[in-house]
Amino acid sequence: MLSEKGKYASATENRRFVWAEIIWPLILEINDVAFSLKRYQQKRDEVRIKKNVTITVTSRGLVSLMQKGIIRKEKNIYSIHFKLIPYMRLRATCDYATAIHEVRIK
């Protein structure tokens, strides 16, 4: 018998995973606020193999991050929210909770 998580719990888990394992490490690795779709896919595939997760988890997580406004997409370029740039410049840890808090501050 499957005990599935609720829709919102799964979405949050996917967002957290993609942010912590793919997006933020990629941002620090390239030291830039923006990255190409191809660069994202390379990092995603590397993490998927290492962590043994499905492409569905990473796809849903990325879309969910965009819906929350943490990530923006224009054509084939993704970028982080401008309020997260100081964290990148400092090469600081920016977990999902910090990212969502910074983006949500009015």
PDB file of N, CA and C in Angstrom:
ATOM      1  N   MET A   1       0.829  -1.171   0.000  1.00  0.00           N
ATOM      2  CA  MET A   1       0.000   0.000   0.000  1.00  0.00           C
ATOM      3  C   MET A   1       0.885   1.250   0.000  1.00  0.00           C
ATOM      4  N   LEU A   2       0.587   2.158  -0.894  1.00  0.00           N
ATOM      5  CA  LEU A   2       1.374   3.375  -1.011  1.00  0.00           C
ATOM      6  C   LEU A   2       0.847   4.453  -0.073  1.00  0.00           C
ATOM      7  N   SER A   3       1.754   5.054   0.642  1.00  0.00           N
ATOM      8  CA  SER A   3       1.333   6.215   1.429  1.00  0.00           C
ATOM      9  C   SER A   3       1.984   7.428   0.776  1.00  0.00           C
ATOM     10  N   GLU A   4       1.237   8.076  -0.060  1.00  0.00           N
ATOM     11  CA  GLU A   4       1.730   9.219  -0.822  1.00  0.00           C
ATOM     12  C   GLU A   4       1.676  10.494   0.002  1.00  0.00           C
ATOM     13  N   LYS A   5       2.634  11.343  -0.238  1.00  0.00           N
ATOM     14  CA  LYS A   5       2.612  12.666   0.392  1.00  0.00           C
ATOM     15  C   LYS A   5       1.555  13.495  -0.302  1.00  0.00           C
ATOM     16  N   GLY A   6       1.129  14.528   0.359  1.00  0.00           N
ATOM     17  CA  GLY A   6       0.191  15.446  -0.265  1.00  0.00           C
ATOM     18  C   GLY A   6       0.862  16.188  -1.408  1.00  0.00           C
ATOM     19  N   LYS A   7       0.055  16.744  -2.267  1.00  0.00           N
ATOM     20  CA  LYS A   7       0.526  17.476  -3.435  1.00  0.00           C
ATOM     21  C   LYS A   7       1.491  18.601  -3.049  1.00  0.00           C
ATOM     22  N   TYR A   8       1.149  19.366  -2.028  1.00  0.00           N
ATOM     23  CA  TYR A   8       1.965  20.512  -1.640  1.00  0.00           C
ATOM     24  C   TYR A   8       3.263  20.087  -0.976  1.00  0.00           C
ATOM     25  N   ALA A   9       3.216  19.020  -0.199  1.00  0.00           N
ATOM     26  CA  ALA A   9       4.434  18.511   0.442  1.00  0.00           C
ATOM     27  C   ALA A   9       5.417  18.016  -0.618  1.00  0.00           C
ATOM     28  N   SER A  10       4.925  17.342  -1.629  1.00  0.00           N
ATOM     29  CA  SER A  10       5.790  16.860  -2.709  1.00  0.00           C
ATOM     30  C   SER A  10       6.397  18.017  -3.487  1.00  0.00           C
ATOM     31  N   ALA A  11       5.596  19.030  -3.768  1.00  0.00           N
ATOM     32  CA  ALA A  11       6.089  20.192  -4.510  1.00  0.00           C
ATOM     33  C   ALA A  11       7.201  20.886  -3.730  1.00  0.00           C
ATOM     34  N   THR A  12       7.004  21.050  -2.431  1.00  0.00           N
ATOM     35  CA  THR A  12       8.010  21.695  -1.596  1.00  0.00           C
ATOM     36  C   THR A  12       9.278  20.856  -1.549  1.00  0.00           C
ATOM     37  N   GLU A  13       9.130  19.567  -1.411  1.00  0.00           N
ATOM     38  CA  GLU A  13      10.282  18.664  -1.372  1.00  0.00           C
ATOM     39  C   GLU A  13      11.060  18.730  -2.690  1.00  0.00           C
ATOM     40  N   ASN A  14      10.349  18.744  -3.807  1.00  0.00           N
ATOM     41  CA  ASN A  14      11.005  18.834  -5.114  1.00  0.00           C
ATOM     42  C   ASN A  14      11.748  20.162  -5.262  1.00  0.00           C
ATOM     43  N   ARG A  15      11.101  21.256  -4.853  1.00  0.00           N
ATOM     44  CA  ARG A  15      11.748  22.571  -4.905  1.00  0.00           C
ATOM     45  C   ARG A  15      13.014  22.590  -4.070  1.00  0.00           C
ATOM     46  N   ARG A  16      12.895  22.111  -2.839  1.00  0.00           N
ATOM     47  CA  ARG A  16      14.054  22.097  -1.937  1.00  0.00           C
ATOM     48  C   ARG A  16      15.203  21.285  -2.533  1.00  0.00           C
ATOM     49  N   PHE A  17      14.884  20.127  -3.075  1.00  0.00           N
ATOM     50  CA  PHE A  17      15.911  19.257  -3.654  1.00  0.00           C
ATOM     51  C   PHE A  17      16.613  19.949  -4.821  1.00  0.00           C
ATOM     52  N   VAL A  18      15.841  20.473  -5.760  1.00  0.00           N
ATOM     53  CA  VAL A  18      16.413  21.106  -6.948  1.00  0.00           C
ATOM     54  C   VAL A  18      17.233  22.329  -6.554  1.00  0.00           C
ATOM     55  N   TRP A  19      16.755  23.110  -5.609  1.00  0.00           N
ATOM     56  CA  TRP A  19      17.495  24.285  -5.162  1.00  0.00           C
ATOM     57  C   TRP A  19      18.818  23.877  -4.511  1.00  0.00           C
ATOM     58  N   ALA A  20      18.743  22.962  -3.548  1.00  0.00           N
ATOM     59  CA  ALA A  20      19.922  22.586  -2.753  1.00  0.00           C
ATOM     60  C   ALA A  20      20.946  21.756  -3.514  1.00  0.00           C
ATOM     61  N   GLU A  21      20.469  20.907  -4.401  1.00  0.00           N
ATOM     62  CA  GLU A  21      21.378  19.964  -5.063  1.00  0.00           C
ATOM     63  C   GLU A  21      21.802  20.387  -6.469  1.00  0.00           C
ATOM     64  N   ILE A  22      21.001  21.220  -7.123  1.00  0.00           N
ATOM     65  CA  ILE A  22      21.308  21.572  -8.513  1.00  0.00           C
ATOM     66  C   ILE A  22      21.544  23.074  -8.684  1.00  0.00           C
ATOM     67  N   ILE A  23      20.530  23.879  -8.410  1.00  0.00           N
ATOM     68  CA  ILE A  23      20.597  25.310  -8.734  1.00  0.00           C
ATOM     69  C   ILE A  23      21.682  26.048  -7.949  1.00  0.00           C
ATOM     70  N   TRP A  24      21.636  26.007  -6.615  1.00  0.00           N
ATOM     71  CA  TRP A  24      22.601  26.792  -5.851  1.00  0.00           C
ATOM     72  C   TRP A  24      24.039  26.308  -6.070  1.00  0.00           C
ATOM     73  N   PRO A  25      24.301  25.009  -6.057  1.00  0.00           N
ATOM     74  CA  PRO A  25      25.673  24.572  -6.377  1.00  0.00           C
ATOM     75  C   PRO A  25      26.121  25.021  -7.780  1.00  0.00           C
ATOM     76  N   LEU A  26      25.200  25.014  -8.740  1.00  0.00           N
ATOM     77  CA  LEU A  26      25.528  25.466 -10.092  1.00  0.00           C
ATOM     78  C   LEU A  26      25.864  26.958 -10.102  1.00  0.00           C
ATOM     79  N   ILE A  27      25.073  27.752  -9.402  1.00  0.00           N
ATOM     80  CA  ILE A  27      25.315  29.200  -9.320  1.00  0.00           C
ATOM     81  C   ILE A  27      26.711  29.468  -8.736  1.00  0.00           C
ATOM     82  N   LEU A  28      27.048  28.763  -7.664  1.00  0.00           N
ATOM     83  CA  LEU A  28      28.356  28.954  -7.043  1.00  0.00           C
ATOM     84  C   LEU A  28      29.481  28.449  -7.949  1.00  0.00           C
ATOM     85  N   GLU A  29      29.228  27.364  -8.641  1.00  0.00           N
ATOM     86  CA  GLU A  29      30.225  26.775  -9.545  1.00  0.00           C
ATOM     87  C   GLU A  29      30.563  27.728 -10.699  1.00  0.00           C
ATOM     88  N   ILE A  30      29.553  28.300 -11.323  1.00  0.00           N
ATOM     89  CA  ILE A  30      29.798  29.178 -12.477  1.00  0.00           C
ATOM     90  C   ILE A  30      30.016  30.633 -12.059  1.00  0.00           C
ATOM     91  N   ASN A  31      29.693  30.943 -10.799  1.00  0.00           N
ATOM     92  CA  ASN A  31      29.845  32.296 -10.253  1.00  0.00           C
ATOM     93  C   ASN A  31      29.140  33.342 -11.127  1.00  0.00           C
ATOM     94  N   ASP A  32      27.899  33.045 -11.449  1.00  0.00           N
ATOM     95  CA  ASP A  32      27.085  33.948 -12.255  1.00  0.00           C
ATOM     96  C   ASP A  32      25.630  33.793 -11.832  1.00  0.00           C
ATOM     97  N   VAL A  33      24.838  34.846 -12.048  1.00  0.00           N
ATOM     98  CA  VAL A  33      23.432  34.813 -11.657  1.00  0.00           C
ATOM     99  C   VAL A  33      22.566  34.087 -12.682  1.00  0.00           C
ATOM    100  N   ALA A  34      23.113  33.856 -13.873  1.00  0.00           N
ATOM    101  CA  ALA A  34      22.339  33.231 -14.953  1.00  0.00           C
ATOM    102  C   ALA A  34      23.077  32.013 -15.508  1.00  0.00           C
ATOM    103  N   PHE A  35      22.290  31.085 -16.027  1.00  0.00           N
ATOM    104  CA  PHE A  35      22.867  29.885 -16.621  1.00  0.00           C
ATOM    105  C   PHE A  35      21.977  29.419 -17.763  1.00  0.00           C
ATOM    106  N   SER A  36      22.585  28.703 -18.682  1.00  0.00           N
ATOM    107  CA  SER A  36      21.857  28.227 -19.857  1.00  0.00           C
ATOM    108  C   SER A  36      21.085  26.952 -19.529  1.00  0.00           C
ATOM    109  N   LEU A  37      20.117  26.671 -20.366  1.00  0.00           N
ATOM    110  CA  LEU A  37      19.362  25.428 -20.237  1.00  0.00           C
ATOM    111  C   LEU A  37      20.313  24.239 -20.323  1.00  0.00           C
ATOM    112  N   LYS A  38      21.254  24.300 -21.251  1.00  0.00           N
ATOM    113  CA  LYS A  38      22.211  23.200 -21.437  1.00  0.00           C
ATOM    114  C   LYS A  38      23.043  22.984 -20.167  1.00  0.00           C
ATOM    115  N   ARG A  39      23.505  24.065 -19.569  1.00  0.00           N
ATOM    116  CA  ARG A  39      24.321  23.964 -18.348  1.00  0.00           C
ATOM    117  C   ARG A  39      23.499  23.380 -17.201  1.00  0.00           C
ATOM    118  N   TYR A  40      22.243  23.802 -17.105  1.00  0.00           N
ATOM    119  CA  TYR A  40      21.341  23.248 -16.096  1.00  0.00           C
ATOM    120  C   TYR A  40      21.173  21.744 -16.308  1.00  0.00           C
ATOM    121  N   GLN A  41      20.943  21.344 -17.554  1.00  0.00           N
ATOM    122  CA  GLN A  41      20.719  19.932 -17.868  1.00  0.00           C
ATOM    123  C   GLN A  41      21.937  19.078 -17.521  1.00  0.00           C
ATOM    124  N   GLN A  42      23.125  19.613 -17.757  1.00  0.00           N
ATOM    125  CA  GLN A  42      24.348  18.873 -17.407  1.00  0.00           C
ATOM    126  C   GLN A  42      24.422  18.648 -15.902  1.00  0.00           C
ATOM    127  N   LYS A  43      24.184  19.712 -15.142  1.00  0.00           N
ATOM    128  CA  LYS A  43      24.234  19.612 -13.677  1.00  0.00           C
ATOM    129  C   LYS A  43      23.121  18.701 -13.171  1.00  0.00           C
ATOM    130  N   ARG A  44      21.933  18.851 -13.730  1.00  0.00           N
ATOM    131  CA  ARG A  44      20.785  18.025 -13.341  1.00  0.00           C
ATOM    132  C   ARG A  44      21.098  16.542 -13.550  1.00  0.00           C
ATOM    133  N   ASP A  45      21.633  16.201 -14.715  1.00  0.00           N
ATOM    134  CA  ASP A  45      21.923  14.797 -15.017  1.00  0.00           C
ATOM    135  C   ASP A  45      22.997  14.229 -14.095  1.00  0.00           C
ATOM    136  N   GLU A  46      23.994  15.041 -13.800  1.00  0.00           N
ATOM    137  CA  GLU A  46      25.059  14.632 -12.876  1.00  0.00           C
ATOM    138  C   GLU A  46      24.463  14.318 -11.499  1.00  0.00           C
ATOM    139  N   VAL A  47      23.602  15.193 -11.004  1.00  0.00           N
ATOM    140  CA  VAL A  47      22.983  15.015  -9.694  1.00  0.00           C
ATOM    141  C   VAL A  47      21.989  13.850  -9.709  1.00  0.00           C
ATOM    142  N   ARG A  48      21.225  13.733 -10.769  1.00  0.00           N
ATOM    143  CA  ARG A  48      20.240  12.648 -10.862  1.00  0.00           C
ATOM    144  C   ARG A  48      20.909  11.282 -10.757  1.00  0.00           C
ATOM    145  N   ILE A  49      22.043  11.125 -11.431  1.00  0.00           N
ATOM    146  CA  ILE A  49      22.763   9.848 -11.396  1.00  0.00           C
ATOM    147  C   ILE A  49      23.315   9.592  -9.993  1.00  0.00           C
ATOM    148  N   LYS A  50      23.943  10.621  -9.418  1.00  0.00           N
ATOM    149  CA  LYS A  50      24.553  10.496  -8.094  1.00  0.00           C
ATOM    150  C   LYS A  50      23.516  10.220  -7.013  1.00  0.00           C
ATOM    151  N   LYS A  51      22.373  10.917  -7.067  1.00  0.00           N
ATOM    152  CA  LYS A  51      21.344  10.823  -6.015  1.00  0.00           C
ATOM    153  C   LYS A  51      20.230   9.839  -6.351  1.00  0.00           C
ATOM    154  N   ASN A  52      20.265   9.289  -7.571  1.00  0.00           N
ATOM    155  CA  ASN A  52      19.271   8.310  -8.012  1.00  0.00           C
ATOM    156  C   ASN A  52      17.831   8.839  -7.898  1.00  0.00           C
ATOM    157  N   VAL A  53      17.590   9.983  -8.532  1.00  0.00           N
ATOM    158  CA  VAL A  53      16.244  10.550  -8.559  1.00  0.00           C
ATOM    159  C   VAL A  53      15.736  10.600  -9.994  1.00  0.00           C
ATOM    160  N   THR A  54      14.439  10.626 -10.145  1.00  0.00           N
ATOM    161  CA  THR A  54      13.845  10.632 -11.482  1.00  0.00           C
ATOM    162  C   THR A  54      13.878  12.028 -12.082  1.00  0.00           C
ATOM    163  N   ILE A  55      13.758  12.070 -13.384  1.00  0.00           N
ATOM    164  CA  ILE A  55      13.716  13.354 -14.087  1.00  0.00           C
ATOM    165  C   ILE A  55      12.451  14.123 -13.721  1.00  0.00           C
ATOM    166  N   THR A  56      11.412  13.408 -13.339  1.00  0.00           N
ATOM    167  CA  THR A  56      10.153  14.040 -12.940  1.00  0.00           C
ATOM    168  C   THR A  56      10.360  14.933 -11.718  1.00  0.00           C
ATOM    169  N   VAL A  57      11.112  14.446 -10.750  1.00  0.00           N
ATOM    170  CA  VAL A  57      11.385  15.223  -9.534  1.00  0.00           C
ATOM    171  C   VAL A  57      12.092  16.522  -9.895  1.00  0.00           C
ATOM    172  N   THR A  58      13.123  16.431 -10.731  1.00  0.00           N
ATOM    173  CA  THR A  58      13.887  17.629 -11.078  1.00  0.00           C
ATOM    174  C   THR A  58      13.084  18.580 -11.950  1.00  0.00           C
ATOM    175  N   SER A  59      12.294  18.044 -12.859  1.00  0.00           N
ATOM    176  CA  SER A  59      11.466  18.898 -13.721  1.00  0.00           C
ATOM    177  C   SER A  59      10.423  19.652 -12.915  1.00  0.00           C
ATOM    178  N   ARG A  60       9.730  18.930 -12.069  1.00  0.00           N
ATOM    179  CA  ARG A  60       8.702  19.568 -11.242  1.00  0.00           C
ATOM    180  C   ARG A  60       9.312  20.571 -10.277  1.00  0.00           C
ATOM    181  N   GLY A  61      10.474  20.240  -9.738  1.00  0.00           N
ATOM    182  CA  GLY A  61      11.152  21.151  -8.818  1.00  0.00           C
ATOM    183  C   GLY A  61      11.543  22.449  -9.488  1.00  0.00           C
ATOM    184  N   LEU A  62      12.071  22.373 -10.707  1.00  0.00           N
ATOM    185  CA  LEU A  62      12.469  23.575 -11.436  1.00  0.00           C
ATOM    186  C   LEU A  62      11.255  24.437 -11.764  1.00  0.00           C
ATOM    187  N   VAL A  63      10.203  23.825 -12.254  1.00  0.00           N
ATOM    188  CA  VAL A  63       8.979  24.570 -12.582  1.00  0.00           C
ATOM    189  C   VAL A  63       8.420  25.235 -11.327  1.00  0.00           C
ATOM    190  N   SER A  64       8.434  24.518 -10.234  1.00  0.00           N
ATOM    191  CA  SER A  64       7.926  25.050  -8.976  1.00  0.00           C
ATOM    192  C   SER A  64       8.757  26.236  -8.490  1.00  0.00           C
ATOM    193  N   LEU A  65      10.084  26.170  -8.661  1.00  0.00           N
ATOM    194  CA  LEU A  65      10.945  27.301  -8.291  1.00  0.00           C
ATOM    195  C   LEU A  65      10.619  28.529  -9.138  1.00  0.00           C
ATOM    196  N   MET A  66      10.286  28.305 -10.393  1.00  0.00           N
ATOM    197  CA  MET A  66       9.908  29.426 -11.260  1.00  0.00           C
ATOM    198  C   MET A  66       8.573  30.013 -10.821  1.00  0.00           C
ATOM    199  N   GLN A  67       7.626  29.153 -10.455  1.00  0.00           N
ATOM    200  CA  GLN A  67       6.320  29.633  -9.997  1.00  0.00           C
ATOM    201  C   GLN A  67       6.443  30.458  -8.720  1.00  0.00           C
ATOM    202  N   LYS A  68       7.392  30.113  -7.870  1.00  0.00           N
ATOM    203  CA  LYS A  68       7.611  30.853  -6.617  1.00  0.00           C
ATOM    204  C   LYS A  68       8.412  32.132  -6.833  1.00  0.00           C
ATOM    205  N   GLY A  69       8.969  32.306  -8.011  1.00  0.00           N
ATOM    206  CA  GLY A  69       9.712  33.523  -8.318  1.00  0.00           C
ATOM    207  C   GLY A  69      11.174  33.494  -7.933  1.00  0.00           C
ATOM    208  N   ILE A  70      11.659  32.350  -7.513  1.00  0.00           N
ATOM    209  CA  ILE A  70      13.065  32.226  -7.123  1.00  0.00           C
ATOM    210  C   ILE A  70      13.949  32.168  -8.373  1.00  0.00           C
ATOM    211  N   ILE A  71      13.423  31.531  -9.403  1.00  0.00           N
ATOM    212  CA  ILE A  71      14.121  31.404 -10.686  1.00  0.00           C
ATOM    213  C   ILE A  71      13.271  32.071 -11.764  1.00  0.00           C
ATOM    214  N   ARG A  72      13.930  32.785 -12.671  1.00  0.00           N
ATOM    215  CA  ARG A  72      13.252  33.369 -13.844  1.00  0.00           C
ATOM    216  C   ARG A  72      13.803  32.711 -15.092  1.00  0.00           C
ATOM    217  N   LYS A  73      12.953  32.618 -16.108  1.00  0.00           N
ATOM    218  CA  LYS A  73      13.393  32.037 -17.378  1.00  0.00           C
ATOM    219  C   LYS A  73      13.062  32.999 -18.505  1.00  0.00           C
ATOM    220  N   GLU A  74      14.058  33.255 -19.340  1.00  0.00           N
ATOM    221  CA  GLU A  74      13.863  34.014 -20.567  1.00  0.00           C
ATOM    222  C   GLU A  74      14.551  33.250 -21.678  1.00  0.00           C
ATOM    223  N   LYS A  75      13.761  32.759 -22.626  1.00  0.00           N
ATOM    224  CA  LYS A  75      14.247  31.899 -23.708  1.00  0.00           C
ATOM    225  C   LYS A  75      14.949  30.695 -23.093  1.00  0.00           C
ATOM    226  N   ASN A  76      16.228  30.501 -23.366  1.00  0.00           N
ATOM    227  CA  ASN A  76      16.940  29.350 -22.792  1.00  0.00           C
ATOM    228  C   ASN A  76      17.877  29.736 -21.654  1.00  0.00           C
ATOM    229  N   ILE A  77      17.619  30.900 -21.058  1.00  0.00           N
ATOM    230  CA  ILE A  77      18.458  31.366 -19.957  1.00  0.00           C
ATOM    231  C   ILE A  77      17.626  31.453 -18.670  1.00  0.00           C
ATOM    232  N   TYR A  78      18.180  30.879 -17.623  1.00  0.00           N
ATOM    233  CA  TYR A  78      17.565  30.924 -16.301  1.00  0.00           C
ATOM    234  C   TYR A  78      18.398  31.856 -15.436  1.00  0.00           C
ATOM    235  N   SER A  79      17.744  32.558 -14.511  1.00  0.00           N
ATOM    236  CA  SER A  79      18.488  33.413 -13.587  1.00  0.00           C
ATOM    237  C   SER A  79      17.828  33.378 -12.216  1.00  0.00           C
ATOM    238  N   ILE A  80      18.642  33.680 -11.205  1.00  0.00           N
ATOM    239  CA  ILE A  80      18.110  33.708  -9.849  1.00  0.00           C
ATOM    240  C   ILE A  80      17.517  35.091  -9.582  1.00  0.00           C
ATOM    241  N   HIS A  81      16.636  35.170  -8.597  1.00  0.00           N
ATOM    242  CA  HIS A  81      16.019  36.429  -8.188  1.00  0.00           C
ATOM    243  C   HIS A  81      17.115  37.400  -7.755  1.00  0.00           C
ATOM    244  N   PHE A  82      16.952  38.667  -8.083  1.00  0.00           N
ATOM    245  CA  PHE A  82      17.990  39.665  -7.804  1.00  0.00           C
ATOM    246  C   PHE A  82      18.344  39.773  -6.324  1.00  0.00           C
ATOM    247  N   LYS A  83      17.401  39.459  -5.433  1.00  0.00           N
ATOM    248  CA  LYS A  83      17.683  39.562  -4.000  1.00  0.00           C
ATOM    249  C   LYS A  83      18.628  38.465  -3.507  1.00  0.00           C
ATOM    250  N   LEU A  84      18.887  37.470  -4.359  1.00  0.00           N
ATOM    251  CA  LEU A  84      19.788  36.377  -3.974  1.00  0.00           C
ATOM    252  C   LEU A  84      21.220  36.621  -4.451  1.00  0.00           C
ATOM    253  N   ILE A  85      21.417  37.664  -5.241  1.00  0.00           N
ATOM    254  CA  ILE A  85      22.743  37.960  -5.793  1.00  0.00           C
ATOM    255  C   ILE A  85      23.795  38.208  -4.703  1.00  0.00           C
ATOM    256  N   PRO A  86      23.476  38.949  -3.622  1.00  0.00           N
ATOM    257  CA  PRO A  86      24.501  39.134  -2.573  1.00  0.00           C
ATOM    258  C   PRO A  86      25.012  37.812  -1.982  1.00  0.00           C
ATOM    259  N   TYR A  87      24.142  36.819  -1.863  1.00  0.00           N
ATOM    260  CA  TYR A  87      24.560  35.505  -1.352  1.00  0.00           C
ATOM    261  C   TYR A  87      25.571  34.872  -2.299  1.00  0.00           C
ATOM    262  N   MET A  88      25.301  35.007  -3.612  1.00  0.00           N
ATOM    263  CA  MET A  88      26.207  34.455  -4.612  1.00  0.00           C
ATOM    264  C   MET A  88      27.565  35.163  -4.539  1.00  0.00           C
ATOM    265  N   ARG A  89      27.520  36.479  -4.445  1.00  0.00           N
ATOM    266  CA  ARG A  89      28.775  37.255  -4.410  1.00  0.00           C
ATOM    267  C   ARG A  89      29.621  36.900  -3.198  1.00  0.00           C
ATOM    268  N   LEU A  90      28.959  36.635  -2.080  1.00  0.00           N
ATOM    269  CA  LEU A  90      29.667  36.251  -0.856  1.00  0.00           C
ATOM    270  C   LEU A  90      30.012  34.760  -0.846  1.00  0.00           C
ATOM    271  N   ARG A  91      29.503  34.028  -1.834  1.00  0.00           N
ATOM    272  CA  ARG A  91      29.653  32.567  -1.901  1.00  0.00           C
ATOM    273  C   ARG A  91      29.103  31.931  -0.617  1.00  0.00           C
ATOM    274  N   ALA A  92      28.020  32.512  -0.138  1.00  0.00           N
ATOM    275  CA  ALA A  92      27.395  32.072   1.112  1.00  0.00           C
ATOM    276  C   ALA A  92      26.437  30.916   0.857  1.00  0.00           C
ATOM    277  N   THR A  93      26.148  30.202   1.912  1.00  0.00           N
ATOM    278  CA  THR A  93      25.129  29.165   1.847  1.00  0.00           C
ATOM    279  C   THR A  93      23.781  29.866   1.721  1.00  0.00           C
ATOM    280  N   CYS A  94      23.011  29.428   0.774  1.00  0.00           N
ATOM    281  CA  CYS A  94      21.670  29.983   0.604  1.00  0.00           C
ATOM    282  C   CYS A  94      20.723  28.803   0.437  1.00  0.00           C
ATOM    283  N   ASP A  95      20.201  28.333   1.558  1.00  0.00           N
ATOM    284  CA  ASP A  95      19.288  27.197   1.483  1.00  0.00           C
ATOM    285  C   ASP A  95      17.924  27.666   0.970  1.00  0.00           C
ATOM    286  N   TYR A  96      17.051  26.716   0.743  1.00  0.00           N
ATOM    287  CA  TYR A  96      15.737  27.036   0.187  1.00  0.00           C
ATOM    288  C   TYR A  96      14.962  27.997   1.092  1.00  0.00           C
ATOM    289  N   ALA A  97      15.027  27.769   2.401  1.00  0.00           N
ATOM    290  CA  ALA A  97      14.282  28.625   3.340  1.00  0.00           C
ATOM    291  C   ALA A  97      14.749  30.076   3.228  1.00  0.00           C
ATOM    292  N   THR A  98      16.045  30.283   3.112  1.00  0.00           N
ATOM    293  CA  THR A  98      16.596  31.631   2.951  1.00  0.00           C
ATOM    294  C   THR A  98      16.139  32.229   1.628  1.00  0.00           C
ATOM    295  N   ALA A  99      16.222  31.437   0.572  1.00  0.00           N
ATOM    296  CA  ALA A  99      15.842  31.917  -0.764  1.00  0.00           C
ATOM    297  C   ALA A  99      14.377  32.351  -0.797  1.00  0.00           C
ATOM    298  N   ILE A 100      13.488  31.531  -0.296  1.00  0.00           N
ATOM    299  CA  ILE A 100      12.057  31.858  -0.343  1.00  0.00           C
ATOM    300  C   ILE A 100      11.774  33.066   0.544  1.00  0.00           C
ATOM    301  N   HIS A 101      12.461  33.167   1.673  1.00  0.00           N
ATOM    302  CA  HIS A 101      12.283  34.312   2.569  1.00  0.00           C
ATOM    303  C   HIS A 101      12.711  35.608   1.879  1.00  0.00           C
ATOM    304  N   GLU A 102      13.866  35.592   1.232  1.00  0.00           N
ATOM    305  CA  GLU A 102      14.373  36.785   0.558  1.00  0.00           C
ATOM    306  C   GLU A 102      13.447  37.224  -0.580  1.00  0.00           C
ATOM    307  N   VAL A 103      12.957  36.286  -1.326  1.00  0.00           N
ATOM    308  CA  VAL A 103      12.105  36.580  -2.474  1.00  0.00           C
ATOM    309  C   VAL A 103      10.743  37.103  -2.024  1.00  0.00           C
ATOM    310  N   ARG A 104      10.254  36.622  -0.908  1.00  0.00           N
ATOM    311  CA  ARG A 104       8.913  36.986  -0.425  1.00  0.00           C
ATOM    312  C   ARG A 104       8.868  38.308   0.331  1.00  0.00           C
ATOM    313  N   ILE A 105      10.013  38.836   0.766  1.00  0.00           N
ATOM    314  CA  ILE A 105      10.018  40.101   1.499  1.00  0.00           C
ATOM    315  C   ILE A 105       9.548  41.203   0.572  1.00  0.00           C
ATOM    316  N   LYS A 106       8.615  41.983   1.031  1.00  0.00           N
ATOM    317  CA  LYS A 106       8.049  43.057   0.191  1.00  0.00           C
ATOM    318  C   LYS A 106       8.845  44.325   0.363  1.00  0.00           C
TER     319      LYS A 106
END
